[in-house]
Amino acid sequence: MTDEHGNSSVTLNKDIKAQRSVQFIIGSDYTFRAFNRPFKLSAEAYCKALSRLNPYEIDNLRIVYAGDNSSSGYAAGLDLRLFGEFVPGSDSWLSLSVMKSQETINGVKVPLPNDRRYSVALYFTDYFPRIPRMKVNLRGIFADGLPVTMPHSTRDKGYFRTSPYKRVDIGLAYNILPEIDNADGRRRRFINSMWLGVDCFNLFDISNVGSYYWVKTADDVSYAVPNSLTRRMLNVRLTVDF
């Protein structure tokens, strides 16, 4: 609280309790063959009843808690993932997630700060036909934005969402030392395999929003200026398996 002289003080709430949740989760795996290759479909549905929540807001990189058990809510969703060996010995997958989360703050129903309503992700690997030691991998993700509030405000007073997160990565890797020595068919004693790779992260140089910098004008109007995450970046890596 703030006194008449403008001095602020913080009082520890000794009566606060641990947050509580009751969770129901059901999942299943289904394996099958298609195109003469093995596949597996995994599905998981969940529902969480949340009580005694301590509401919080995300202010750039800070997490600001209300400091009391004044909220309750729920989270429910479905996760689907398809695994497959599109090429022998190399796993690829495609996933889809949908979620709905909500809490009640001061009588107003608002999404939780981590409410990402949908997410689609892909990971695909393949080998070069004439260069069996070299493989390419492709990663992609498209996900919903997260709720954002103004500084010193709460979601029950208003919020908006960041733009959807979009990213595509591509990489090449060359097997310098295979796990099995082709000369005599034996495994190595100390180093199993060694890979040299190069990756291009954020291939299409998409400007994704990480947070917002708030600017207030003389008319007491605040504007949200987006802070972008890292753009396109190259990475060289050496992976050694012992």
Protein backbone atom coordinates (compact mmCIF):
# COMPACT_ATOMS: atom_id res chain seq x y z
CA MET A 1 0.00 0.00 0.00
CA THR A 2 1.03 3.68 -0.38
CA ASP A 3 0.87 6.30 2.39
CA GLU A 4 0.18 10.03 2.14
CA HIS A 5 3.85 10.75 1.47
CA GLY A 6 4.01 8.40 -1.51
CA ASN A 7 5.99 5.69 0.27
CA SER A 8 5.05 2.13 -0.68
CA SER A 9 5.15 -0.86 1.63
CA VAL A 10 4.55 -4.55 1.07
CA THR A 11 2.96 -6.78 3.71
CA LEU A 12 3.44 -10.54 3.60
CA ASN A 13 0.17 -12.46 3.48
CA LYS A 14 0.74 -15.20 6.06
CA ASP A 15 -2.71 -16.73 5.45
CA ILE A 16 -2.11 -17.61 1.80
CA LYS A 17 -2.54 -21.29 0.96
CA ALA A 18 -1.09 -23.57 -1.68
CA GLN A 19 -2.98 -23.67 -4.95
CA ARG A 20 -5.06 -26.78 -5.51
CA SER A 21 -6.15 -28.79 -8.52
CA VAL A 22 -8.14 -31.92 -9.25
CA GLN A 23 -7.03 -33.53 -12.51
CA PHE A 24 -8.59 -36.08 -14.81
CA ILE A 25 -6.42 -37.46 -17.62
CA ILE A 26 -7.14 -40.19 -20.14
CA GLY A 27 -4.80 -41.32 -22.90
CA SER A 28 -4.35 -44.01 -25.48
CA ASP A 29 -1.83 -45.20 -28.09
CA TYR A 30 -2.69 -46.86 -31.39
CA THR A 31 0.02 -48.53 -33.49
CA PHE A 32 -0.48 -49.46 -37.13
CA ARG A 33 1.36 -49.88 -40.41
CA ALA A 34 0.97 -47.72 -43.50
CA PHE A 35 3.07 -47.64 -46.66
CA ASN A 36 4.88 -50.70 -45.20
CA ARG A 37 6.19 -48.57 -42.30
CA PRO A 38 5.29 -48.45 -38.58
CA PHE A 39 3.20 -45.58 -37.20
CA LYS A 40 1.82 -44.68 -33.78
CA LEU A 41 -1.00 -42.29 -32.91
CA SER A 42 -1.02 -40.99 -29.32
CA ALA A 43 -3.98 -39.13 -27.84
CA GLU A 44 -4.43 -37.59 -24.40
CA ALA A 45 -7.37 -35.60 -23.05
CA TYR A 46 -7.26 -33.75 -19.73
CA CYS A 47 -9.45 -31.63 -17.49
CA LYS A 48 -8.19 -29.76 -14.42
CA ALA A 49 -10.41 -28.10 -11.83
CA LEU A 50 -8.34 -25.30 -10.24
CA SER A 51 -9.09 -23.66 -6.89
CA ARG A 52 -7.37 -21.35 -4.40
CA LEU A 53 -5.49 -19.78 -7.31
CA ASN A 54 -3.09 -16.91 -6.74
CA PRO A 55 -3.74 -14.70 -9.81
CA TYR A 56 -0.70 -13.28 -11.56
CA GLU A 57 0.12 -11.07 -14.52
CA ILE A 58 3.18 -11.15 -16.78
CA ASP A 59 4.87 -7.76 -17.05
CA ASN A 60 7.54 -8.19 -19.73
CA LEU A 61 9.83 -10.72 -17.96
CA ARG A 62 8.38 -10.21 -14.49
CA ILE A 63 5.59 -12.27 -12.91
CA VAL A 64 3.44 -10.15 -10.60
CA TYR A 65 1.27 -12.12 -8.16
CA ALA A 66 -1.85 -10.79 -6.47
CA GLY A 67 -0.72 -12.37 -3.20
CA ASP A 68 -4.00 -14.02 -2.22
CA ASN A 69 -6.20 -17.03 -3.04
CA SER A 70 -8.88 -14.99 -4.75
CA SER A 71 -9.42 -16.98 -7.95
CA SER A 72 -10.58 -20.32 -9.27
CA GLY A 73 -10.82 -21.80 -12.74
CA TYR A 74 -10.21 -24.75 -15.00
CA ALA A 75 -8.10 -26.02 -17.90
CA ALA A 76 -9.17 -28.61 -20.46
CA GLY A 77 -7.65 -29.78 -23.70
CA LEU A 78 -6.67 -32.50 -26.14
CA ASP A 79 -3.20 -33.49 -27.39
CA LEU A 80 -2.72 -35.61 -30.52
CA ARG A 81 0.60 -36.80 -31.94
CA LEU A 82 1.34 -39.01 -34.93
CA PHE A 83 4.75 -40.74 -34.96
CA GLY A 84 6.09 -42.46 -38.05
CA GLU A 85 9.20 -43.75 -39.78
CA PHE A 86 8.82 -42.14 -43.16
CA VAL A 87 12.37 -43.34 -43.73
CA PRO A 88 13.73 -46.43 -41.90
CA GLY A 89 15.45 -45.67 -38.60
CA SER A 90 14.40 -42.02 -38.52
CA ASP A 91 11.40 -40.80 -36.51
CA SER A 92 9.12 -37.98 -37.63
CA TRP A 93 5.99 -36.64 -35.98
CA LEU A 94 3.03 -34.30 -36.36
CA SER A 95 1.21 -32.93 -33.31
CA LEU A 96 -1.99 -30.98 -32.69
CA SER A 97 -3.00 -29.47 -29.35
CA VAL A 98 -6.12 -27.55 -28.38
CA MET A 99 -6.74 -26.05 -24.94
CA LYS A 100 -9.23 -23.89 -23.08
CA SER A 101 -8.27 -22.40 -19.72
CA GLN A 102 -10.16 -19.86 -17.66
CA GLU A 103 -10.21 -18.27 -14.23
CA THR A 104 -12.51 -15.83 -12.45
CA ILE A 105 -10.97 -12.58 -11.20
CA ASN A 106 -13.25 -10.14 -9.36
CA GLY A 107 -16.28 -11.86 -10.87
CA VAL A 108 -14.94 -11.61 -14.44
CA LYS A 109 -14.08 -14.76 -16.41
CA VAL A 110 -10.75 -14.37 -18.20
CA PRO A 111 -8.19 -16.75 -19.76
CA LEU A 112 -5.22 -17.90 -17.73
CA PRO A 113 -1.88 -16.24 -18.62
CA ASN A 114 -0.70 -19.47 -20.32
CA ASP A 115 -3.90 -19.94 -22.34
CA ARG A 116 -2.58 -21.04 -25.75
CA ARG A 117 -5.74 -22.18 -27.50
CA TYR A 118 -4.13 -24.16 -30.31
CA SER A 119 -0.73 -25.37 -31.45
CA VAL A 120 0.38 -27.35 -34.53
CA ALA A 121 3.93 -28.70 -34.77
CA LEU A 122 5.83 -30.81 -37.31
CA TYR A 123 9.17 -32.60 -37.25
CA PHE A 124 10.31 -34.47 -40.36
CA THR A 125 13.60 -36.18 -41.17
CA ASP A 126 14.85 -37.80 -44.36
CA TYR A 127 18.10 -39.09 -45.87
CA PHE A 128 19.67 -38.09 -49.17
CA PRO A 129 19.21 -40.93 -51.71
CA ARG A 130 22.84 -40.97 -52.91
CA ILE A 131 24.44 -39.84 -49.63
CA PRO A 132 23.16 -42.17 -46.89
CA ARG A 133 25.33 -40.52 -44.24
CA MET A 134 23.62 -37.15 -44.71
CA LYS A 135 20.11 -36.35 -43.48
CA VAL A 136 17.87 -33.30 -43.48
CA ASN A 137 15.41 -32.31 -40.79
CA LEU A 138 12.52 -29.86 -40.99
CA ARG A 139 10.74 -28.36 -37.98
CA GLY A 140 7.71 -26.10 -37.97
CA ILE A 141 5.29 -24.68 -35.44
CA PHE A 142 2.18 -22.52 -35.56
CA ALA A 143 0.65 -21.57 -32.21
CA ASP A 144 -1.86 -19.12 -30.78
CA GLY A 145 -0.73 -15.97 -28.97
CA LEU A 146 -0.86 -15.46 -25.20
CA PRO A 147 -2.96 -12.92 -23.23
CA VAL A 148 -1.26 -9.60 -22.48
CA THR A 149 -2.22 -6.82 -20.04
CA MET A 150 -0.98 -3.29 -19.45
CA PRO A 151 1.51 -2.71 -16.61
CA HIS A 152 -0.14 -2.30 -13.19
CA SER A 153 -3.36 -3.78 -14.54
CA THR A 154 -5.16 -7.13 -14.46
CA ARG A 155 -6.95 -9.22 -17.07
CA ASP A 156 -10.39 -8.48 -15.62
CA LYS A 157 -9.84 -4.83 -16.60
CA GLY A 158 -8.88 -5.73 -20.18
CA TYR A 159 -6.39 -7.76 -22.19
CA PHE A 160 -5.39 -8.62 -25.75
CA ARG A 161 -3.44 -11.45 -27.35
CA THR A 162 -0.06 -11.44 -29.01
CA SER A 163 0.12 -12.38 -32.68
CA PRO A 164 0.35 -16.13 -33.43
CA TYR A 165 3.79 -17.69 -33.12
CA LYS A 166 5.14 -18.98 -36.47
CA ARG A 167 8.52 -20.57 -37.10
CA VAL A 168 10.23 -22.96 -39.51
CA ASP A 169 13.70 -24.46 -38.97
CA ILE A 170 15.74 -26.57 -41.37
CA GLY A 171 18.97 -28.45 -40.79
CA LEU A 172 21.53 -30.71 -42.43
CA ALA A 173 23.66 -33.30 -40.62
CA TYR A 174 26.49 -35.52 -41.85
CA ASN A 175 27.56 -38.67 -40.03
CA ILE A 176 31.36 -38.36 -39.78
CA LEU A 177 31.79 -41.56 -37.74
CA PRO A 178 28.97 -44.11 -38.14
CA GLU A 179 27.97 -46.18 -35.12
CA ILE A 180 29.21 -49.34 -36.87
CA ASP A 181 32.50 -49.48 -38.71
CA ASN A 182 31.61 -50.51 -42.26
CA ALA A 183 35.07 -52.02 -42.75
CA ASP A 184 34.68 -54.89 -40.26
CA GLY A 185 31.10 -54.43 -39.03
CA ARG A 186 32.15 -53.82 -35.41
CA ARG A 187 31.05 -51.08 -33.01
CA ARG A 188 33.60 -48.58 -31.72
CA ARG A 189 34.72 -48.87 -28.11
CA PHE A 190 34.73 -45.20 -27.01
CA ILE A 191 32.86 -43.10 -29.58
CA ASN A 192 29.65 -44.60 -30.95
CA SER A 193 28.97 -41.95 -33.57
CA MET A 194 29.77 -38.36 -34.52
CA TRP A 195 27.54 -35.93 -36.44
CA LEU A 196 28.44 -32.55 -37.94
CA GLY A 197 25.42 -30.36 -38.65
CA VAL A 198 24.30 -26.90 -39.67
CA ASP A 199 20.89 -25.42 -38.86
CA CYS A 200 18.97 -22.40 -40.05
CA PHE A 201 16.56 -21.30 -37.32
CA ASN A 202 13.56 -19.18 -38.28
CA LEU A 203 14.16 -19.88 -41.96
CA PHE A 204 11.61 -17.32 -43.24
CA ASP A 205 12.88 -14.58 -40.89
CA ILE A 206 9.48 -14.16 -39.20
CA SER A 207 9.25 -11.45 -36.54
CA ASN A 208 7.56 -13.13 -33.57
CA VAL A 209 6.50 -11.08 -30.54
CA GLY A 210 8.18 -11.95 -27.24
CA SER A 211 6.85 -9.13 -25.08
CA TYR A 212 5.69 -5.50 -25.26
CA TYR A 213 7.33 -2.24 -24.30
CA TRP A 214 4.71 0.24 -23.13
CA VAL A 215 4.94 3.93 -24.06
CA LYS A 216 2.70 6.52 -22.41
CA THR A 217 1.95 9.84 -24.12
CA ALA A 218 1.30 13.23 -22.53
CA ASP A 219 -2.43 12.53 -22.87
CA ASP A 220 -2.00 9.49 -20.56
CA VAL A 221 -2.59 7.05 -23.43
CA SER A 222 -0.46 3.89 -23.44
CA TYR A 223 0.75 2.18 -26.58
CA ALA A 224 2.17 -1.34 -26.77
CA VAL A 225 5.39 -1.54 -28.81
CA PRO A 226 6.30 -5.17 -29.59
CA ASN A 227 9.69 -6.63 -28.68
CA SER A 228 10.63 -9.22 -31.29
CA LEU A 229 12.32 -12.53 -30.63
CA THR A 230 15.50 -13.58 -32.44
CA ARG A 231 15.11 -13.48 -36.22
CA ARG A 232 16.90 -15.82 -38.67
CA MET A 233 20.02 -17.43 -37.21
CA LEU A 234 22.60 -19.97 -38.39
CA ASN A 235 24.02 -22.61 -36.06
CA VAL A 236 26.84 -25.14 -36.53
CA ARG A 237 26.92 -28.14 -34.19
CA LEU A 238 29.04 -31.22 -33.50
CA THR A 239 27.31 -34.14 -31.77
CA VAL A 240 29.31 -36.99 -30.27
CA ASP A 241 27.69 -40.10 -28.80
CA PHE A 242 29.84 -42.10 -26.37
